[in-house]
């Protein structure tokens, strides 16, 4: 009985780590995007990267790519999560903004192939998270692919497809994890870039208001 309870607690602990990977604030290793997921001019784009951490007796690695809007809001995030140790688990998670229709789930297409449905796991105030078991075949397809398209349905019943380039995916998946110092450096770089864009936009608005009053 004791062993069973211990195993259950360990499994729940790992699930908390998996959910935490989806709920955590998006890092700076992201591609900043404008409407529809198109690359914004001059936006920082660092694409796919891997982070690894220790959770009790388990090693947790996440290969991810995050698309942000110009103001830093989440557009779409995808993460391939591998847990190894006492618990072994592999999953693919997709995070999208809230106000989604739940039954349709999220459609995943690689290079325009057949769409695979990913069911929602949970919704939080800032995002909804969908999850599916990660298979070797899925990883192989991502490595061979050029583009990944993730489509959610918003509350207006309109599809919201977001395209993410698979360039760099293989290197991130098979390579070493990004160091904490590099991650922190990139976080600051992206925050500075977004602040600069916000300041520029505010100045343009103020100048336009002054010009309107002058007329």
N, C-alpha and C. Protein backbone atom coordinates (compact mmCIF):
# COMPACT_ATOMS: atom_id res chain seq x y z
N UNK A 1 0.83 -1.20 0.00
CA UNK A 1 0.00 0.00 0.00
C UNK A 1 0.87 1.25 0.00
N UNK A 2 1.93 1.19 0.86
CA UNK A 2 2.83 2.32 0.97
C UNK A 2 3.52 2.60 -0.36
N UNK A 3 3.99 1.51 -1.02
CA UNK A 3 4.67 1.66 -2.31
C UNK A 3 3.73 2.25 -3.35
N UNK A 4 2.48 1.81 -3.31
CA UNK A 4 1.48 2.31 -4.27
C UNK A 4 1.25 3.80 -4.08
N UNK A 5 1.11 4.21 -2.81
CA UNK A 5 0.90 5.63 -2.52
C UNK A 5 2.10 6.46 -2.93
N UNK A 6 3.29 5.92 -2.68
CA UNK A 6 4.52 6.63 -3.04
C UNK A 6 4.63 6.81 -4.55
N UNK A 7 4.27 5.75 -5.28
CA UNK A 7 4.31 5.81 -6.75
C UNK A 7 3.30 6.82 -7.28
N UNK A 8 2.11 6.85 -6.64
CA UNK A 8 1.08 7.81 -7.05
C UNK A 8 1.54 9.24 -6.81
N UNK A 9 2.16 9.46 -5.64
CA UNK A 9 2.67 10.81 -5.35
C UNK A 9 3.74 11.21 -6.34
N UNK A 10 4.62 10.28 -6.70
CA UNK A 10 5.68 10.57 -7.67
C UNK A 10 5.10 10.92 -9.02
N UNK A 11 4.07 10.16 -9.43
CA UNK A 11 3.42 10.43 -10.72
C UNK A 11 2.77 11.80 -10.72
N UNK A 12 2.11 12.15 -9.62
CA UNK A 12 1.47 13.47 -9.52
C UNK A 12 2.51 14.57 -9.53
N UNK A 13 3.66 14.31 -8.89
CA UNK A 13 4.73 15.30 -8.87
C UNK A 13 5.25 15.58 -10.27
N UNK A 14 5.44 14.50 -11.05
CA UNK A 14 5.91 14.65 -12.42
C UNK A 14 4.86 15.38 -13.25
N UNK A 15 3.57 15.05 -13.05
CA UNK A 15 2.51 15.74 -13.79
C UNK A 15 2.52 17.22 -13.47
N UNK A 16 2.83 17.57 -12.21
CA UNK A 16 2.91 18.98 -11.82
C UNK A 16 4.03 19.67 -12.58
N UNK A 17 5.14 18.95 -12.79
CA UNK A 17 6.25 19.52 -13.56
C UNK A 17 5.83 19.73 -15.01
N UNK A 18 5.12 18.74 -15.57
CA UNK A 18 4.67 18.84 -16.96
C UNK A 18 3.71 20.01 -17.13
N UNK A 19 2.76 20.12 -16.21
CA UNK A 19 1.82 21.23 -16.26
C UNK A 19 2.54 22.55 -16.03
N UNK A 20 3.53 22.53 -15.17
CA UNK A 20 4.29 23.75 -14.89
C UNK A 20 5.03 24.25 -16.10
N UNK A 21 5.47 23.32 -16.95
CA UNK A 21 6.17 23.71 -18.17
C UNK A 21 5.25 24.51 -19.08
N UNK A 22 3.96 24.18 -19.03
CA UNK A 22 2.99 24.90 -19.86
C UNK A 22 2.55 26.19 -19.18
N UNK A 23 2.50 26.19 -17.86
CA UNK A 23 1.97 27.34 -17.14
C UNK A 23 3.03 28.41 -16.87
N UNK A 24 4.30 28.02 -16.95
CA UNK A 24 5.37 28.97 -16.64
C UNK A 24 5.39 30.12 -17.63
N UNK A 25 5.88 31.30 -17.19
CA UNK A 25 5.97 32.42 -18.12
C UNK A 25 6.84 32.06 -19.30
N UNK A 26 6.45 32.48 -20.48
CA UNK A 26 7.23 32.16 -21.67
C UNK A 26 8.57 32.84 -21.58
N UNK A 27 9.61 32.14 -22.02
CA UNK A 27 10.95 32.68 -21.91
C UNK A 27 11.28 33.51 -23.13
N UNK A 28 12.51 34.01 -23.13
CA UNK A 28 12.91 34.90 -24.20
C UNK A 28 13.31 34.17 -25.46
N UNK A 29 13.52 32.86 -25.38
CA UNK A 29 13.85 32.13 -26.59
C UNK A 29 12.57 31.92 -27.37
N UNK A 30 12.16 32.99 -28.04
CA UNK A 30 10.85 32.98 -28.69
C UNK A 30 10.93 33.75 -29.98
N UNK A 31 9.91 33.56 -30.82
CA UNK A 31 9.82 34.40 -32.00
C UNK A 31 8.67 35.36 -31.77
N UNK A 32 8.97 36.64 -31.85
CA UNK A 32 7.94 37.64 -31.65
C UNK A 32 7.12 37.72 -32.92
N UNK A 33 5.80 37.76 -32.80
CA UNK A 33 4.95 37.69 -33.98
C UNK A 33 3.92 38.79 -34.01
N UNK A 34 3.54 39.16 -35.22
CA UNK A 34 2.44 40.11 -35.40
C UNK A 34 1.17 39.31 -35.61
N UNK A 35 0.10 39.95 -36.10
CA UNK A 35 -1.18 39.26 -36.28
C UNK A 35 -1.00 38.04 -37.17
N UNK A 36 -1.65 36.92 -36.78
CA UNK A 36 -1.63 35.71 -37.58
C UNK A 36 -0.34 34.93 -37.48
N UNK A 37 0.57 35.36 -36.61
CA UNK A 37 1.80 34.61 -36.42
C UNK A 37 2.89 34.97 -37.41
N UNK A 38 2.68 36.00 -38.22
CA UNK A 38 3.73 36.39 -39.16
C UNK A 38 4.87 37.03 -38.39
N UNK A 39 6.07 36.86 -38.91
CA UNK A 39 7.24 37.41 -38.23
C UNK A 39 7.22 38.93 -38.28
N UNK A 40 7.34 39.57 -37.13
CA UNK A 40 7.37 41.03 -37.07
C UNK A 40 8.73 41.53 -37.53
N UNK A 41 8.72 42.67 -38.21
CA UNK A 41 9.97 43.23 -38.74
C UNK A 41 10.93 43.55 -37.60
N UNK A 42 12.16 43.05 -37.70
CA UNK A 42 13.17 43.35 -36.72
C UNK A 42 12.97 42.65 -35.38
N UNK A 43 12.03 41.73 -35.30
CA UNK A 43 11.75 41.06 -34.03
C UNK A 43 12.81 40.01 -33.73
N UNK A 44 13.15 39.82 -32.45
CA UNK A 44 14.12 38.77 -32.11
C UNK A 44 13.51 37.40 -32.36
N UNK A 45 14.26 36.51 -32.96
CA UNK A 45 13.74 35.18 -33.23
C UNK A 45 14.83 34.16 -32.94
N UNK A 46 14.70 33.47 -31.83
CA UNK A 46 15.70 32.50 -31.46
C UNK A 46 15.20 31.08 -31.60
N UNK A 47 13.93 30.93 -31.93
CA UNK A 47 13.39 29.63 -32.33
C UNK A 47 13.41 28.54 -31.27
N UNK A 48 13.79 27.34 -31.71
CA UNK A 48 13.73 26.15 -30.86
C UNK A 48 14.90 26.11 -29.89
N UNK A 49 14.63 25.68 -28.66
CA UNK A 49 15.70 25.53 -27.67
C UNK A 49 15.27 24.49 -26.64
N UNK A 50 16.25 24.01 -25.90
CA UNK A 50 15.99 22.97 -24.90
C UNK A 50 16.44 23.44 -23.51
N UNK A 51 15.62 23.16 -22.51
CA UNK A 51 16.00 23.39 -21.12
C UNK A 51 15.83 22.08 -20.36
N UNK A 52 16.67 21.84 -19.38
CA UNK A 52 16.57 20.64 -18.55
C UNK A 52 16.67 21.02 -17.08
N UNK A 53 15.94 20.28 -16.24
CA UNK A 53 15.96 20.54 -14.81
C UNK A 53 15.76 19.23 -14.06
N UNK A 54 16.01 19.27 -12.75
CA UNK A 54 15.85 18.09 -11.90
C UNK A 54 14.60 18.27 -11.06
N UNK A 55 13.74 17.25 -11.04
CA UNK A 55 12.53 17.27 -10.21
C UNK A 55 12.53 16.01 -9.38
N UNK A 56 12.90 16.14 -8.10
CA UNK A 56 13.04 14.99 -7.21
C UNK A 56 14.00 13.98 -7.85
N UNK A 57 13.53 12.77 -8.15
CA UNK A 57 14.41 11.75 -8.73
C UNK A 57 14.26 11.65 -10.24
N UNK A 58 13.74 12.71 -10.85
CA UNK A 58 13.50 12.67 -12.29
C UNK A 58 14.20 13.83 -13.00
N UNK A 59 14.63 13.56 -14.22
CA UNK A 59 15.18 14.60 -15.09
C UNK A 59 14.09 15.03 -16.07
N UNK A 60 13.88 16.33 -16.19
CA UNK A 60 12.84 16.86 -17.07
C UNK A 60 13.47 17.77 -18.11
N UNK A 61 13.30 17.44 -19.38
CA UNK A 61 13.81 18.27 -20.47
C UNK A 61 12.64 18.71 -21.35
N UNK A 62 12.68 19.97 -21.76
CA UNK A 62 11.62 20.53 -22.60
C UNK A 62 12.25 21.19 -23.82
N UNK A 63 11.85 20.74 -25.00
CA UNK A 63 12.26 21.38 -26.25
C UNK A 63 11.07 22.22 -26.69
N UNK A 64 11.26 23.53 -26.83
CA UNK A 64 10.10 24.38 -27.06
C UNK A 64 10.36 25.54 -28.01
N UNK A 65 9.25 26.12 -28.45
CA UNK A 65 9.27 27.32 -29.29
C UNK A 65 8.03 28.11 -28.93
N UNK A 66 8.18 29.39 -28.72
CA UNK A 66 7.07 30.23 -28.28
C UNK A 66 6.90 31.41 -29.23
N UNK A 67 5.67 31.65 -29.64
CA UNK A 67 5.35 32.78 -30.50
C UNK A 67 4.65 33.84 -29.65
N UNK A 68 5.20 35.04 -29.66
CA UNK A 68 4.64 36.14 -28.87
C UNK A 68 4.12 37.24 -29.77
N UNK A 69 3.10 37.94 -29.32
CA UNK A 69 2.62 39.13 -30.02
C UNK A 69 3.56 40.28 -29.72
N UNK A 70 3.38 41.39 -30.42
CA UNK A 70 4.25 42.54 -30.25
C UNK A 70 4.31 43.05 -28.84
N UNK A 71 3.21 42.91 -28.08
CA UNK A 71 3.18 43.39 -26.70
C UNK A 71 3.64 42.35 -25.70
N UNK A 72 4.10 41.21 -26.17
CA UNK A 72 4.59 40.17 -25.28
C UNK A 72 3.56 39.13 -24.90
N UNK A 73 2.32 39.25 -25.42
CA UNK A 73 1.29 38.27 -25.09
C UNK A 73 1.53 36.96 -25.85
N UNK A 74 1.13 35.86 -25.21
CA UNK A 74 1.28 34.56 -25.83
C UNK A 74 0.38 34.43 -27.05
N UNK A 75 0.95 33.98 -28.16
CA UNK A 75 0.17 33.64 -29.35
C UNK A 75 0.04 32.11 -29.42
N UNK A 76 1.16 31.43 -29.40
CA UNK A 76 1.17 29.97 -29.35
C UNK A 76 2.52 29.51 -28.82
N UNK A 77 2.50 28.47 -27.99
CA UNK A 77 3.72 27.87 -27.50
C UNK A 77 3.63 26.36 -27.66
N UNK A 78 4.71 25.73 -28.09
CA UNK A 78 4.73 24.27 -28.22
C UNK A 78 5.94 23.73 -27.48
N UNK A 79 5.73 22.66 -26.71
CA UNK A 79 6.81 22.07 -25.95
C UNK A 79 6.78 20.55 -26.00
N UNK A 80 7.94 19.95 -26.24
CA UNK A 80 8.08 18.49 -26.20
C UNK A 80 8.75 18.15 -24.88
N UNK A 81 8.03 17.50 -23.99
CA UNK A 81 8.48 17.29 -22.62
C UNK A 81 8.87 15.83 -22.41
N UNK A 82 10.10 15.62 -21.94
CA UNK A 82 10.60 14.28 -21.65
C UNK A 82 10.96 14.18 -20.18
N UNK A 83 10.34 13.24 -19.48
CA UNK A 83 10.62 12.99 -18.08
C UNK A 83 11.25 11.62 -17.98
N UNK A 84 12.43 11.52 -17.35
CA UNK A 84 13.11 10.23 -17.20
C UNK A 84 13.65 10.09 -15.79
N UNK A 85 13.70 8.86 -15.32
CA UNK A 85 14.15 8.58 -13.96
C UNK A 85 13.24 7.55 -13.34
N UNK A 86 12.72 7.85 -12.16
CA UNK A 86 11.75 6.93 -11.54
C UNK A 86 10.46 6.88 -12.36
N UNK A 87 10.12 8.00 -12.96
CA UNK A 87 8.96 8.09 -13.84
C UNK A 87 9.44 8.39 -15.25
N UNK A 88 8.90 7.71 -16.24
CA UNK A 88 9.25 7.96 -17.63
C UNK A 88 8.00 8.39 -18.39
N UNK A 89 8.06 9.57 -18.97
CA UNK A 89 6.88 10.11 -19.65
C UNK A 89 7.33 11.04 -20.76
N UNK A 90 6.66 10.95 -21.90
CA UNK A 90 6.94 11.87 -23.01
C UNK A 90 5.62 12.45 -23.49
N UNK A 91 5.56 13.76 -23.63
CA UNK A 91 4.32 14.40 -24.08
C UNK A 91 4.63 15.63 -24.92
N UNK A 92 3.67 15.99 -25.75
CA UNK A 92 3.75 17.23 -26.52
C UNK A 92 2.63 18.13 -26.04
N UNK A 93 2.97 19.35 -25.67
CA UNK A 93 1.97 20.29 -25.19
C UNK A 93 1.94 21.53 -26.08
N UNK A 94 0.74 22.04 -26.26
CA UNK A 94 0.56 23.29 -27.02
C UNK A 94 -0.23 24.25 -26.14
N UNK A 95 0.28 25.48 -26.02
CA UNK A 95 -0.39 26.52 -25.24
C UNK A 95 -0.90 27.60 -26.18
N UNK A 96 -2.16 28.00 -26.00
CA UNK A 96 -2.77 29.06 -26.82
C UNK A 96 -3.48 30.03 -25.88
N UNK A 97 -3.87 31.21 -26.36
CA UNK A 97 -4.58 32.16 -25.51
C UNK A 97 -5.91 31.57 -25.03
N UNK A 98 -6.50 32.14 -23.99
CA UNK A 98 -7.81 31.66 -23.51
C UNK A 98 -8.91 32.02 -24.50
N UNK A 99 -10.15 31.78 -24.11
CA UNK A 99 -11.33 32.05 -24.96
C UNK A 99 -11.29 31.20 -26.22
N UNK A 100 -10.99 29.92 -26.04
CA UNK A 100 -11.00 28.95 -27.14
C UNK A 100 -12.22 28.05 -27.02
N UNK A 101 -12.67 27.50 -28.13
CA UNK A 101 -13.68 26.46 -28.10
C UNK A 101 -12.99 25.15 -27.74
N UNK A 102 -13.45 24.49 -26.67
CA UNK A 102 -12.76 23.32 -26.15
C UNK A 102 -12.93 22.06 -26.99
N UNK A 103 -14.17 21.69 -27.42
CA UNK A 103 -14.34 20.41 -28.13
C UNK A 103 -13.45 20.22 -29.36
N UNK A 104 -13.22 21.26 -30.19
CA UNK A 104 -12.40 21.03 -31.40
C UNK A 104 -10.95 20.69 -31.08
N UNK A 105 -10.47 21.08 -29.89
CA UNK A 105 -9.07 20.87 -29.58
C UNK A 105 -8.18 21.74 -30.45
N UNK A 106 -6.92 21.33 -30.58
CA UNK A 106 -5.96 22.05 -31.43
C UNK A 106 -5.51 21.11 -32.54
N UNK A 107 -5.57 21.58 -33.78
CA UNK A 107 -5.12 20.78 -34.91
C UNK A 107 -3.63 20.98 -35.16
N UNK A 108 -2.89 19.90 -35.35
CA UNK A 108 -1.45 19.98 -35.63
C UNK A 108 -1.16 19.39 -37.00
N UNK A 109 -0.53 20.20 -37.85
CA UNK A 109 -0.16 19.77 -39.19
C UNK A 109 1.32 20.01 -39.44
N UNK A 110 1.96 19.07 -40.09
CA UNK A 110 3.35 19.23 -40.47
C UNK A 110 3.41 19.26 -41.99
N UNK A 111 3.89 20.37 -42.54
CA UNK A 111 4.01 20.54 -43.99
C UNK A 111 2.71 20.24 -44.74
N UNK A 112 1.59 20.70 -44.19
CA UNK A 112 0.32 20.55 -44.87
C UNK A 112 -0.23 19.14 -44.89
N UNK A 113 0.32 18.24 -44.07
CA UNK A 113 -0.18 16.87 -44.02
C UNK A 113 -1.48 16.76 -43.26
N UNK A 114 -1.87 15.54 -42.94
CA UNK A 114 -3.12 15.29 -42.22
C UNK A 114 -3.07 15.93 -40.85
N UNK A 115 -4.16 16.62 -40.48
CA UNK A 115 -4.22 17.29 -39.19
C UNK A 115 -4.46 16.28 -38.07
N UNK A 116 -3.70 16.42 -37.00
CA UNK A 116 -3.87 15.56 -35.82
C UNK A 116 -4.46 16.39 -34.69
N UNK A 117 -5.53 15.89 -34.08
CA UNK A 117 -6.20 16.63 -33.02
C UNK A 117 -5.48 16.43 -31.69
N UNK A 118 -5.28 17.54 -30.98
CA UNK A 118 -4.70 17.51 -29.63
C UNK A 118 -5.77 18.04 -28.68
N UNK A 119 -6.22 17.19 -27.77
CA UNK A 119 -7.28 17.59 -26.84
C UNK A 119 -6.75 18.51 -25.75
N UNK A 120 -7.60 19.43 -25.31
CA UNK A 120 -7.22 20.34 -24.23
C UNK A 120 -7.10 19.58 -22.91
N UNK A 121 -6.08 19.94 -22.15
CA UNK A 121 -5.84 19.35 -20.85
C UNK A 121 -6.40 20.23 -19.74
N UNK A 122 -6.22 21.55 -19.90
CA UNK A 122 -6.70 22.49 -18.89
C UNK A 122 -6.67 23.90 -19.47
N UNK A 123 -7.47 24.78 -18.87
CA UNK A 123 -7.45 26.20 -19.22
C UNK A 123 -7.21 27.03 -17.97
N UNK A 124 -6.38 28.05 -18.10
CA UNK A 124 -6.07 28.97 -17.02
C UNK A 124 -6.43 30.38 -17.48
N UNK A 125 -6.39 31.36 -16.61
CA UNK A 125 -6.77 32.72 -17.01
C UNK A 125 -5.97 33.27 -18.20
N UNK A 126 -4.70 32.85 -18.32
CA UNK A 126 -3.86 33.42 -19.38
C UNK A 126 -3.64 32.50 -20.56
N UNK A 127 -4.09 31.23 -20.48
CA UNK A 127 -3.84 30.31 -21.59
C UNK A 127 -4.63 29.02 -21.43
N UNK A 128 -4.79 28.32 -22.56
CA UNK A 128 -5.33 26.97 -22.55
C UNK A 128 -4.23 26.03 -23.03
N UNK A 129 -4.16 24.85 -22.42
CA UNK A 129 -3.09 23.90 -22.71
C UNK A 129 -3.68 22.60 -23.23
N UNK A 130 -3.17 22.14 -24.36
CA UNK A 130 -3.56 20.86 -24.94
C UNK A 130 -2.37 19.92 -24.86
N UNK A 131 -2.64 18.63 -24.74
CA UNK A 131 -1.54 17.67 -24.58
C UNK A 131 -1.85 16.36 -25.30
N UNK A 132 -0.77 15.73 -25.80
CA UNK A 132 -0.87 14.45 -26.48
C UNK A 132 0.40 13.67 -26.18
N UNK A 133 0.34 12.34 -26.08
CA UNK A 133 1.58 11.57 -25.89
C UNK A 133 2.55 11.80 -27.05
N UNK A 134 3.82 11.93 -26.73
CA UNK A 134 4.85 12.16 -27.75
C UNK A 134 5.41 10.82 -28.19
N UNK A 135 5.36 10.55 -29.49
CA UNK A 135 5.87 9.29 -30.04
C UNK A 135 7.13 9.53 -30.86
N UNK A 136 7.88 8.44 -31.09
CA UNK A 136 9.09 8.54 -31.92
C UNK A 136 8.73 8.96 -33.34
N UNK A 137 7.59 8.48 -33.84
CA UNK A 137 7.16 8.82 -35.20
C UNK A 137 6.87 10.32 -35.30
N UNK A 138 6.29 10.88 -34.25
CA UNK A 138 5.99 12.31 -34.23
C UNK A 138 7.29 13.13 -34.27
N UNK A 139 8.27 12.71 -33.47
CA UNK A 139 9.56 13.40 -33.44
C UNK A 139 10.23 13.31 -34.81
N UNK A 140 10.18 12.13 -35.42
CA UNK A 140 10.80 11.94 -36.74
C UNK A 140 10.16 12.86 -37.78
N UNK A 141 8.84 13.00 -37.72
CA UNK A 141 8.14 13.88 -38.67
C UNK A 141 8.53 15.33 -38.45
N UNK A 142 8.67 15.73 -37.21
CA UNK A 142 9.07 17.11 -36.91
C UNK A 142 10.50 17.38 -37.40
N UNK A 143 11.36 16.39 -37.26
CA UNK A 143 12.75 16.55 -37.71
C UNK A 143 12.83 16.68 -39.23
N UNK A 144 11.96 15.95 -39.94
CA UNK A 144 11.97 16.00 -41.41
C UNK A 144 11.23 17.22 -41.94
N UNK A 145 10.33 17.77 -41.15
CA UNK A 145 9.44 18.82 -41.63
C UNK A 145 10.08 20.18 -41.80
N UNK A 146 9.33 21.04 -42.48
CA UNK A 146 9.75 22.43 -42.71
C UNK A 146 8.95 23.39 -41.84
N UNK A 147 7.63 23.17 -41.77
CA UNK A 147 6.76 24.06 -41.00
C UNK A 147 5.75 23.26 -40.18
N UNK A 148 5.45 23.77 -39.01
CA UNK A 148 4.44 23.20 -38.13
C UNK A 148 3.31 24.22 -38.02
N UNK A 149 2.07 23.79 -38.26
CA UNK A 149 0.92 24.68 -38.15
C UNK A 149 0.02 24.17 -37.03
N UNK A 150 -0.26 25.04 -36.07
CA UNK A 150 -1.12 24.71 -34.93
C UNK A 150 -2.36 25.58 -35.01
N UNK A 151 -3.54 24.95 -35.08
CA UNK A 151 -4.78 25.69 -35.29
C UNK A 151 -5.75 25.47 -34.13
N UNK A 152 -6.09 26.56 -33.45
CA UNK A 152 -7.13 26.51 -32.42
C UNK A 152 -8.35 27.27 -32.95
N UNK A 153 -9.49 27.07 -32.30
CA UNK A 153 -10.73 27.74 -32.69
C UNK A 153 -11.10 28.73 -31.60
N UNK A 154 -11.21 30.01 -31.96
CA UNK A 154 -11.51 31.00 -30.93
C UNK A 154 -13.01 31.04 -30.62
N UNK A 155 -13.38 31.89 -29.65
CA UNK A 155 -14.76 31.92 -29.19
C UNK A 155 -15.73 32.41 -30.27
N UNK A 156 -15.22 33.03 -31.32
CA UNK A 156 -16.07 33.45 -32.44
C UNK A 156 -16.24 32.31 -33.45
N UNK A 157 -15.72 31.14 -33.10
CA UNK A 157 -15.75 29.95 -33.96
C UNK A 157 -14.91 30.12 -35.21
N UNK A 158 -13.90 30.97 -35.14
CA UNK A 158 -13.00 31.18 -36.27
C UNK A 158 -11.68 30.45 -36.02
N UNK A 159 -11.18 29.71 -37.01
CA UNK A 159 -9.89 29.03 -36.84
C UNK A 159 -8.75 30.04 -36.75
N UNK A 160 -7.78 29.75 -35.90
CA UNK A 160 -6.64 30.64 -35.70
C UNK A 160 -5.35 29.84 -35.93
N UNK A 161 -4.95 29.67 -37.21
CA UNK A 161 -3.74 28.89 -37.50
C UNK A 161 -2.47 29.71 -37.26
N UNK A 162 -1.50 29.10 -36.60
CA UNK A 162 -0.21 29.74 -36.36
C UNK A 162 0.89 28.83 -36.92
N UNK A 163 1.70 29.39 -37.81
CA UNK A 163 2.78 28.62 -38.43
C UNK A 163 4.09 28.85 -37.66
N UNK A 164 4.76 27.76 -37.35
CA UNK A 164 6.05 27.82 -36.67
C UNK A 164 7.08 27.08 -37.53
N UNK A 165 8.17 27.73 -37.84
CA UNK A 165 9.21 27.09 -38.63
C UNK A 165 9.87 25.98 -37.81
N UNK A 166 10.17 24.88 -38.48
CA UNK A 166 10.87 23.76 -37.83
C UNK A 166 12.38 23.85 -38.02
N UNK A 167 12.83 24.95 -38.58
CA UNK A 167 14.28 25.15 -38.72
C UNK A 167 14.90 25.19 -37.32
N UNK A 168 15.91 24.41 -37.11
CA UNK A 168 16.59 24.38 -35.82
C UNK A 168 16.01 23.38 -34.83
N UNK A 169 14.90 22.72 -35.20
CA UNK A 169 14.28 21.79 -34.26
C UNK A 169 15.19 20.60 -33.95
N UNK A 170 15.76 19.99 -34.99
CA UNK A 170 16.60 18.81 -34.80
C UNK A 170 17.79 19.13 -33.91
N UNK A 171 18.43 20.27 -34.16
CA UNK A 171 19.59 20.65 -33.36
C UNK A 171 19.23 20.84 -31.90
N UNK A 172 18.07 21.44 -31.66
CA UNK A 172 17.62 21.67 -30.28
C UNK A 172 17.26 20.35 -29.61
N UNK A 173 16.57 19.48 -30.35
CA UNK A 173 16.11 18.22 -29.77
C UNK A 173 17.30 17.30 -29.44
N UNK A 174 18.26 17.21 -30.34
CA UNK A 174 19.39 16.30 -30.16
C UNK A 174 20.56 16.95 -29.43
N UNK A 175 20.56 18.28 -29.32
CA UNK A 175 21.69 19.00 -28.75
C UNK A 175 21.62 19.17 -27.23
N UNK A 176 22.53 19.98 -26.74
CA UNK A 176 22.61 20.24 -25.31
C UNK A 176 21.57 21.27 -24.89
N UNK A 177 21.22 21.22 -23.62
CA UNK A 177 20.27 22.19 -23.07
C UNK A 177 20.92 23.56 -22.96
N UNK A 178 20.11 24.59 -23.04
CA UNK A 178 20.59 25.97 -22.89
C UNK A 178 20.93 26.23 -21.42
N UNK A 179 22.03 26.89 -21.18
CA UNK A 179 22.43 27.18 -19.79
C UNK A 179 21.53 28.25 -19.19
N UNK A 180 21.48 28.26 -17.87
CA UNK A 180 20.65 29.23 -17.16
C UNK A 180 21.12 30.66 -17.43
N UNK A 181 22.43 30.85 -17.54
CA UNK A 181 22.97 32.19 -17.78
C UNK A 181 22.60 32.69 -19.17
N UNK A 182 22.65 31.79 -20.18
CA UNK A 182 22.27 32.17 -21.53
C UNK A 182 20.78 32.50 -21.60
N UNK A 183 19.99 31.73 -20.88
CA UNK A 183 18.55 31.96 -20.86
C UNK A 183 18.24 33.32 -20.24
N UNK A 184 18.93 33.64 -19.14
CA UNK A 184 18.71 34.92 -18.46
C UNK A 184 19.15 36.08 -19.35
N UNK A 185 20.26 35.89 -20.06
CA UNK A 185 20.76 36.93 -20.96
C UNK A 185 19.77 37.21 -22.09
N UNK A 186 19.23 36.12 -22.65
CA UNK A 186 18.27 36.28 -23.73
C UNK A 186 16.96 36.88 -23.24
N UNK A 187 16.57 36.52 -22.01
CA UNK A 187 15.35 37.09 -21.43
C UNK A 187 15.46 38.61 -21.36
N UNK A 188 16.59 39.09 -20.88
CA UNK A 188 16.79 40.53 -20.77
C UNK A 188 16.82 41.20 -22.14
N UNK A 189 17.44 40.53 -23.11
CA UNK A 189 17.53 41.08 -24.46
C UNK A 189 16.14 41.28 -25.06
N UNK A 190 15.27 40.27 -24.92
CA UNK A 190 13.93 40.36 -25.49
C UNK A 190 13.09 41.41 -24.77
N UNK A 191 13.21 41.46 -23.44
CA UNK A 191 12.46 42.45 -22.67
C UNK A 191 12.87 43.87 -23.07
N UNK A 192 14.18 44.08 -23.26
CA UNK A 192 14.67 45.39 -23.69
C UNK A 192 14.13 45.74 -25.07
N UNK A 193 14.12 44.74 -25.97
CA UNK A 193 13.63 44.96 -27.33
C UNK A 193 12.15 45.32 -27.32
N UNK A 194 11.35 44.61 -26.52
CA UNK A 194 9.92 44.89 -26.45
C UNK A 194 9.65 46.26 -25.82
N UNK A 195 10.45 46.61 -24.81
CA UNK A 195 10.27 47.92 -24.18
C UNK A 195 10.58 49.04 -25.16
N UNK A 196 11.62 48.83 -25.97
CA UNK A 196 12.00 49.83 -26.98
C UNK A 196 10.88 50.01 -28.00
N UNK A 197 10.29 48.88 -28.45
CA UNK A 197 9.19 48.96 -29.41
C UNK A 197 7.98 49.67 -28.80
N UNK A 198 7.70 49.40 -27.52
CA UNK A 198 6.57 50.03 -26.84
C UNK A 198 6.79 51.53 -26.72
N UNK A 199 8.03 51.93 -26.40
CA UNK A 199 8.35 53.35 -26.28
C UNK A 199 8.21 54.06 -27.63
N UNK A 200 8.67 53.39 -28.69
CA UNK A 200 8.58 53.98 -30.02
C UNK A 200 7.12 54.15 -30.45
N UNK A 201 6.30 53.13 -30.15
CA UNK A 201 4.89 53.20 -30.51
C UNK A 201 4.19 54.32 -29.74
N UNK A 202 4.53 54.47 -28.46
CA UNK A 202 3.92 55.52 -27.64
C UNK A 202 4.32 56.90 -28.15
N UNK A 203 5.59 57.05 -28.55
CA UNK A 203 6.05 58.34 -29.06
C UNK A 203 5.35 58.70 -30.37
N UNK A 204 5.16 57.71 -31.25
CA UNK A 204 4.45 57.97 -32.50
C UNK A 204 3.02 58.42 -32.25
N UNK A 205 2.38 57.79 -31.27
CA UNK A 205 1.01 58.16 -30.92
C UNK A 205 0.96 59.57 -30.37
N UNK A 206 1.90 59.90 -29.49
CA UNK A 206 1.93 61.24 -28.91
C UNK A 206 2.19 62.30 -29.99
N UNK A 207 3.10 62.00 -30.91
CA UNK A 207 3.40 62.94 -31.99
C UNK A 207 2.19 63.14 -32.89
N UNK A 208 1.46 62.04 -33.15
CA UNK A 208 0.26 62.15 -33.98
C UNK A 208 -0.81 62.96 -33.30
N UNK A 209 -0.95 62.83 -31.99
CA UNK A 209 -1.94 63.59 -31.22
C UNK A 209 -1.58 65.08 -31.22
N UNK A 210 -0.28 65.38 -31.07
CA UNK A 210 0.16 66.77 -31.09
C UNK A 210 -0.08 67.41 -32.45
N UNK A 211 0.19 66.64 -33.52
CA UNK A 211 -0.02 67.15 -34.88
C UNK A 211 -1.50 67.41 -35.13
N UNK A 212 -2.35 66.54 -34.61
CA UNK A 212 -3.81 66.71 -34.78
C UNK A 212 -4.30 67.96 -34.06
N UNK A 213 -3.78 68.20 -32.86
CA UNK A 213 -4.18 69.39 -32.10
C UNK A 213 -3.70 70.67 -32.77
N UNK A 214 -2.50 70.59 -33.37
CA UNK A 214 -1.94 71.77 -34.03
C UNK A 214 -2.77 72.17 -35.24
N UNK A 215 -3.40 71.19 -35.87
CA UNK A 215 -4.21 71.50 -37.05
C UNK A 215 -5.56 72.06 -36.66
